[in-house]
């Protein structure tokens, strides 16, 4: 009878340990999911910053190109005005 009781106690202890370990695994997985959501949020934030930086660089390049075009146009306009002035003298 003692062996039977001892076996029941060992089974119940084993079952308790199994359930406790499953609970710990579930808690760990819940924290991992939470961390995944946080990481996803950080990734989105970083992507937004990168997009903003790219847009800023593009805007600066566009500004520089337009400025060059405007200056070339102004030079050509001035040359044309000088030619007209020379012809009218």
N, C-alpha and C. Protein backbone atom coordinates (compact mmCIF):
# COMPACT_ATOMS: atom_id res chain seq x y z
N UNK A 1 0.81 -1.19 0.00
CA UNK A 1 0.00 0.00 0.00
C UNK A 1 0.86 1.26 0.00
N UNK A 2 2.02 1.17 0.68
CA UNK A 2 2.90 2.34 0.72
C UNK A 2 3.42 2.69 -0.66
N UNK A 3 3.73 1.70 -1.46
CA UNK A 3 4.22 1.94 -2.82
C UNK A 3 3.14 2.62 -3.66
N UNK A 4 1.92 2.20 -3.49
CA UNK A 4 0.81 2.77 -4.26
C UNK A 4 0.64 4.24 -3.91
N UNK A 5 0.71 4.57 -2.64
CA UNK A 5 0.55 5.96 -2.20
C UNK A 5 1.73 6.79 -2.67
N UNK A 6 2.91 6.22 -2.56
CA UNK A 6 4.11 6.94 -2.99
C UNK A 6 4.03 7.22 -4.51
N UNK A 7 3.55 6.27 -5.26
CA UNK A 7 3.39 6.45 -6.70
C UNK A 7 2.38 7.54 -7.03
N UNK A 8 1.30 7.58 -6.27
CA UNK A 8 0.27 8.62 -6.47
C UNK A 8 0.85 9.99 -6.16
N UNK A 9 1.65 10.06 -5.12
CA UNK A 9 2.26 11.34 -4.75
C UNK A 9 3.22 11.80 -5.84
N UNK A 10 4.03 10.89 -6.34
CA UNK A 10 4.97 11.23 -7.40
C UNK A 10 4.23 11.67 -8.67
N UNK A 11 3.14 11.00 -9.00
CA UNK A 11 2.36 11.38 -10.17
C UNK A 11 1.76 12.78 -10.00
N UNK A 12 1.25 13.04 -8.80
CA UNK A 12 0.64 14.35 -8.57
C UNK A 12 1.70 15.45 -8.58
N UNK A 13 2.89 15.16 -8.05
CA UNK A 13 3.98 16.14 -8.08
C UNK A 13 4.41 16.38 -9.53
N UNK A 14 4.51 15.30 -10.28
CA UNK A 14 4.88 15.42 -11.69
C UNK A 14 3.87 16.23 -12.47
N UNK A 15 2.59 15.97 -12.22
CA UNK A 15 1.54 16.71 -12.89
C UNK A 15 1.59 18.20 -12.51
N UNK A 16 1.84 18.47 -11.25
CA UNK A 16 1.93 19.85 -10.77
C UNK A 16 3.10 20.57 -11.45
N UNK A 17 4.23 19.89 -11.54
CA UNK A 17 5.40 20.49 -12.19
C UNK A 17 5.10 20.74 -13.68
N UNK A 18 4.44 19.80 -14.32
CA UNK A 18 4.10 19.95 -15.73
C UNK A 18 3.19 21.16 -15.94
N UNK A 19 2.15 21.28 -15.12
CA UNK A 19 1.23 22.41 -15.25
C UNK A 19 1.92 23.73 -14.96
N UNK A 20 2.79 23.74 -13.96
CA UNK A 20 3.52 24.97 -13.63
C UNK A 20 4.43 25.38 -14.78
N UNK A 21 5.10 24.41 -15.38
CA UNK A 21 6.00 24.73 -16.50
C UNK A 21 5.21 25.24 -17.70
N UNK A 22 4.03 24.67 -17.95
CA UNK A 22 3.20 25.16 -19.05
C UNK A 22 2.74 26.59 -18.80
N UNK A 23 2.44 26.90 -17.55
CA UNK A 23 2.03 28.26 -17.21
C UNK A 23 3.17 29.24 -17.45
N UNK A 24 4.37 28.84 -17.09
CA UNK A 24 5.54 29.69 -17.29
C UNK A 24 5.79 29.89 -18.77
N UNK A 25 5.61 28.85 -19.55
CA UNK A 25 5.80 28.97 -21.00
C UNK A 25 4.78 29.93 -21.59
N UNK A 26 3.53 29.84 -21.14
CA UNK A 26 2.49 30.74 -21.64
C UNK A 26 2.80 32.19 -21.29
N UNK A 27 3.28 32.42 -20.09
CA UNK A 27 3.63 33.79 -19.68
C UNK A 27 4.79 34.29 -20.53
N UNK A 28 5.76 33.43 -20.75
CA UNK A 28 6.90 33.81 -21.58
C UNK A 28 6.49 34.13 -23.00
N UNK A 29 5.56 33.36 -23.54
CA UNK A 29 5.09 33.60 -24.90
C UNK A 29 4.30 34.90 -24.98
N UNK A 30 3.54 35.21 -23.94
CA UNK A 30 2.77 36.46 -23.93
C UNK A 30 3.72 37.65 -23.91
N UNK A 31 4.78 37.56 -23.16
CA UNK A 31 5.75 38.64 -23.13
C UNK A 31 6.46 38.76 -24.48
N UNK A 32 6.71 37.65 -25.11
CA UNK A 32 7.36 37.68 -26.41
C UNK A 32 6.45 38.35 -27.44
N UNK A 33 5.16 38.06 -27.40
CA UNK A 33 4.23 38.70 -28.33
C UNK A 33 4.20 40.20 -28.08
N UNK A 34 4.22 40.59 -26.83
CA UNK A 34 4.22 42.01 -26.48
C UNK A 34 5.49 42.67 -27.01
N UNK A 35 6.60 41.98 -26.84
CA UNK A 35 7.86 42.50 -27.36
C UNK A 35 7.84 42.60 -28.88
N UNK A 36 7.21 41.62 -29.53
CA UNK A 36 7.10 41.66 -30.98
C UNK A 36 6.32 42.87 -31.44
N UNK A 37 5.26 43.19 -30.73
CA UNK A 37 4.46 44.37 -31.08
C UNK A 37 5.29 45.63 -30.88
N UNK A 38 6.04 45.68 -29.79
CA UNK A 38 6.90 46.85 -29.55
C UNK A 38 7.95 46.96 -30.65
N UNK A 39 8.55 45.84 -31.01
CA UNK A 39 9.57 45.85 -32.06
C UNK A 39 8.97 46.29 -33.39
N UNK A 40 7.76 45.84 -33.67
CA UNK A 40 7.10 46.24 -34.91
C UNK A 40 6.87 47.75 -34.90
N UNK A 41 6.47 48.28 -33.76
CA UNK A 41 6.26 49.72 -33.65
C UNK A 41 7.55 50.49 -33.88
N UNK A 42 8.64 49.98 -33.33
CA UNK A 42 9.94 50.63 -33.52
C UNK A 42 10.37 50.55 -34.99
N UNK A 43 10.10 49.42 -35.63
CA UNK A 43 10.44 49.27 -37.05
C UNK A 43 9.67 50.27 -37.89
N UNK A 44 8.39 50.44 -37.58
CA UNK A 44 7.57 51.39 -38.33
C UNK A 44 8.08 52.82 -38.11
N UNK A 45 8.44 53.11 -36.88
CA UNK A 45 8.98 54.44 -36.56
C UNK A 45 10.26 54.69 -37.35
N UNK A 46 11.15 53.70 -37.37
CA UNK A 46 12.41 53.84 -38.10
C UNK A 46 12.16 53.99 -39.60
N UNK A 47 11.20 53.25 -40.13
CA UNK A 47 10.86 53.37 -41.55
C UNK A 47 10.34 54.77 -41.86
N UNK A 48 9.55 55.31 -40.96
CA UNK A 48 9.05 56.67 -41.15
C UNK A 48 10.17 57.69 -41.16
N UNK A 49 11.13 57.51 -40.26
CA UNK A 49 12.28 58.42 -40.22
C UNK A 49 13.09 58.31 -41.51
N UNK A 50 13.30 57.10 -41.97
CA UNK A 50 14.06 56.88 -43.20
C UNK A 50 13.36 57.51 -44.40
N UNK A 51 12.04 57.35 -44.44
CA UNK A 51 11.27 57.94 -45.53
C UNK A 51 11.37 59.45 -45.49
N UNK A 52 11.28 60.02 -44.28
CA UNK A 52 11.41 61.47 -44.13
C UNK A 52 12.77 61.97 -44.57
N UNK A 53 13.82 61.23 -44.21
CA UNK A 53 15.17 61.61 -44.60
C UNK A 53 15.34 61.54 -46.11
N UNK A 54 14.78 60.51 -46.72
CA UNK A 54 14.87 60.36 -48.18
C UNK A 54 14.12 61.50 -48.87
N UNK A 55 12.96 61.86 -48.35
CA UNK A 55 12.18 62.95 -48.92
C UNK A 55 12.94 64.28 -48.80
N UNK A 56 13.60 64.45 -47.67
CA UNK A 56 14.37 65.68 -47.45
C UNK A 56 15.53 65.77 -48.45
N UNK A 57 16.24 64.65 -48.65
CA UNK A 57 17.35 64.64 -49.61
C UNK A 57 16.84 64.92 -51.02
N UNK A 58 15.71 64.32 -51.37
CA UNK A 58 15.13 64.52 -52.70
C UNK A 58 14.73 65.98 -52.89
N UNK A 59 14.15 66.56 -51.85
CA UNK A 59 13.73 67.96 -51.94
C UNK A 59 14.94 68.87 -52.11
N UNK A 60 16.02 68.58 -51.39
CA UNK A 60 17.23 69.41 -51.54
C UNK A 60 17.81 69.29 -52.94
N UNK A 61 17.84 68.05 -53.47
CA UNK A 61 18.36 67.84 -54.82
C UNK A 61 17.50 68.55 -55.85
N UNK A 62 16.19 68.48 -55.66
CA UNK A 62 15.27 69.16 -56.59
C UNK A 62 15.47 70.66 -56.53
N UNK A 63 15.61 71.19 -55.34
CA UNK A 63 15.83 72.63 -55.17
C UNK A 63 17.11 73.06 -55.89
N UNK A 64 18.16 72.28 -55.71
CA UNK A 64 19.44 72.61 -56.34
C UNK A 64 19.33 72.57 -57.86
N UNK A 65 18.66 71.56 -58.39
CA UNK A 65 18.50 71.42 -59.84
C UNK A 65 17.66 72.56 -60.40
N UNK A 66 16.58 72.91 -59.71
CA UNK A 66 15.72 74.01 -60.17
C UNK A 66 16.49 75.31 -60.13
N UNK A 67 17.29 75.51 -59.09
CA UNK A 67 18.06 76.74 -58.97
C UNK A 67 19.06 76.86 -60.13
N UNK A 68 19.70 75.74 -60.48
CA UNK A 68 20.62 75.75 -61.62
C UNK A 68 19.88 76.12 -62.90
N UNK A 69 18.71 75.52 -63.09
CA UNK A 69 17.92 75.81 -64.29
C UNK A 69 17.50 77.27 -64.35
N UNK A 70 17.08 77.81 -63.23
CA UNK A 70 16.65 79.21 -63.19
C UNK A 70 17.84 80.11 -63.50
N UNK A 71 19.00 79.81 -62.95
CA UNK A 71 20.18 80.64 -63.19
C UNK A 71 20.61 80.57 -64.66
N UNK A 72 20.56 79.39 -65.26
CA UNK A 72 20.92 79.27 -66.68
C UNK A 72 19.93 80.05 -67.54
N UNK A 73 18.67 79.96 -67.19
CA UNK A 73 17.65 80.70 -67.94
C UNK A 73 17.88 82.19 -67.81
N UNK A 74 18.21 82.64 -66.62
CA UNK A 74 18.47 84.08 -66.41
C UNK A 74 19.69 84.53 -67.21
N UNK A 75 20.73 83.70 -67.26
CA UNK A 75 21.92 84.04 -68.03
C UNK A 75 21.59 84.17 -69.51
N UNK A 76 20.84 83.20 -70.03
CA UNK A 76 20.47 83.23 -71.45
C UNK A 76 19.57 84.43 -71.77
N UNK A 77 18.68 84.75 -70.83
CA UNK A 77 17.80 85.91 -71.02
C UNK A 77 18.63 87.18 -71.06
N UNK A 78 19.62 87.26 -70.17
CA UNK A 78 20.49 88.44 -70.15
C UNK A 78 21.31 88.53 -71.44
N UNK A 79 21.81 87.40 -71.91
CA UNK A 79 22.56 87.39 -73.18
C UNK A 79 21.67 87.88 -74.32
N UNK A 80 20.44 87.38 -74.36
CA UNK A 80 19.51 87.81 -75.40
C UNK A 80 19.20 89.29 -75.30
N UNK A 81 19.05 89.79 -74.09
CA UNK A 81 18.77 91.22 -73.91
C UNK A 81 19.97 92.04 -74.35
N UNK A 82 21.18 91.56 -74.08
CA UNK A 82 22.40 92.28 -74.50
C UNK A 82 22.50 92.31 -76.02
N UNK A 83 22.17 91.22 -76.70
CA UNK A 83 22.21 91.17 -78.16
C UNK A 83 21.21 92.15 -78.76
N UNK A 84 20.01 92.21 -78.18
CA UNK A 84 18.99 93.14 -78.66
C UNK A 84 19.46 94.56 -78.47
N UNK A 85 20.09 94.82 -77.33
CA UNK A 85 20.57 96.17 -77.05
C UNK A 85 21.67 96.56 -78.03
N UNK A 86 22.56 95.62 -78.36
CA UNK A 86 23.63 95.92 -79.31
C UNK A 86 23.09 96.17 -80.72
N UNK A 87 22.06 95.48 -81.09
CA UNK A 87 21.46 95.67 -82.43
C UNK A 87 20.74 97.00 -82.53
N UNK A 88 20.20 97.47 -81.45
CA UNK A 88 19.44 98.71 -81.50
C UNK A 88 20.36 99.92 -81.42
N UNK A 89 21.63 99.78 -81.13
CA UNK A 89 22.54 100.92 -81.08
C UNK A 89 22.97 101.36 -82.42
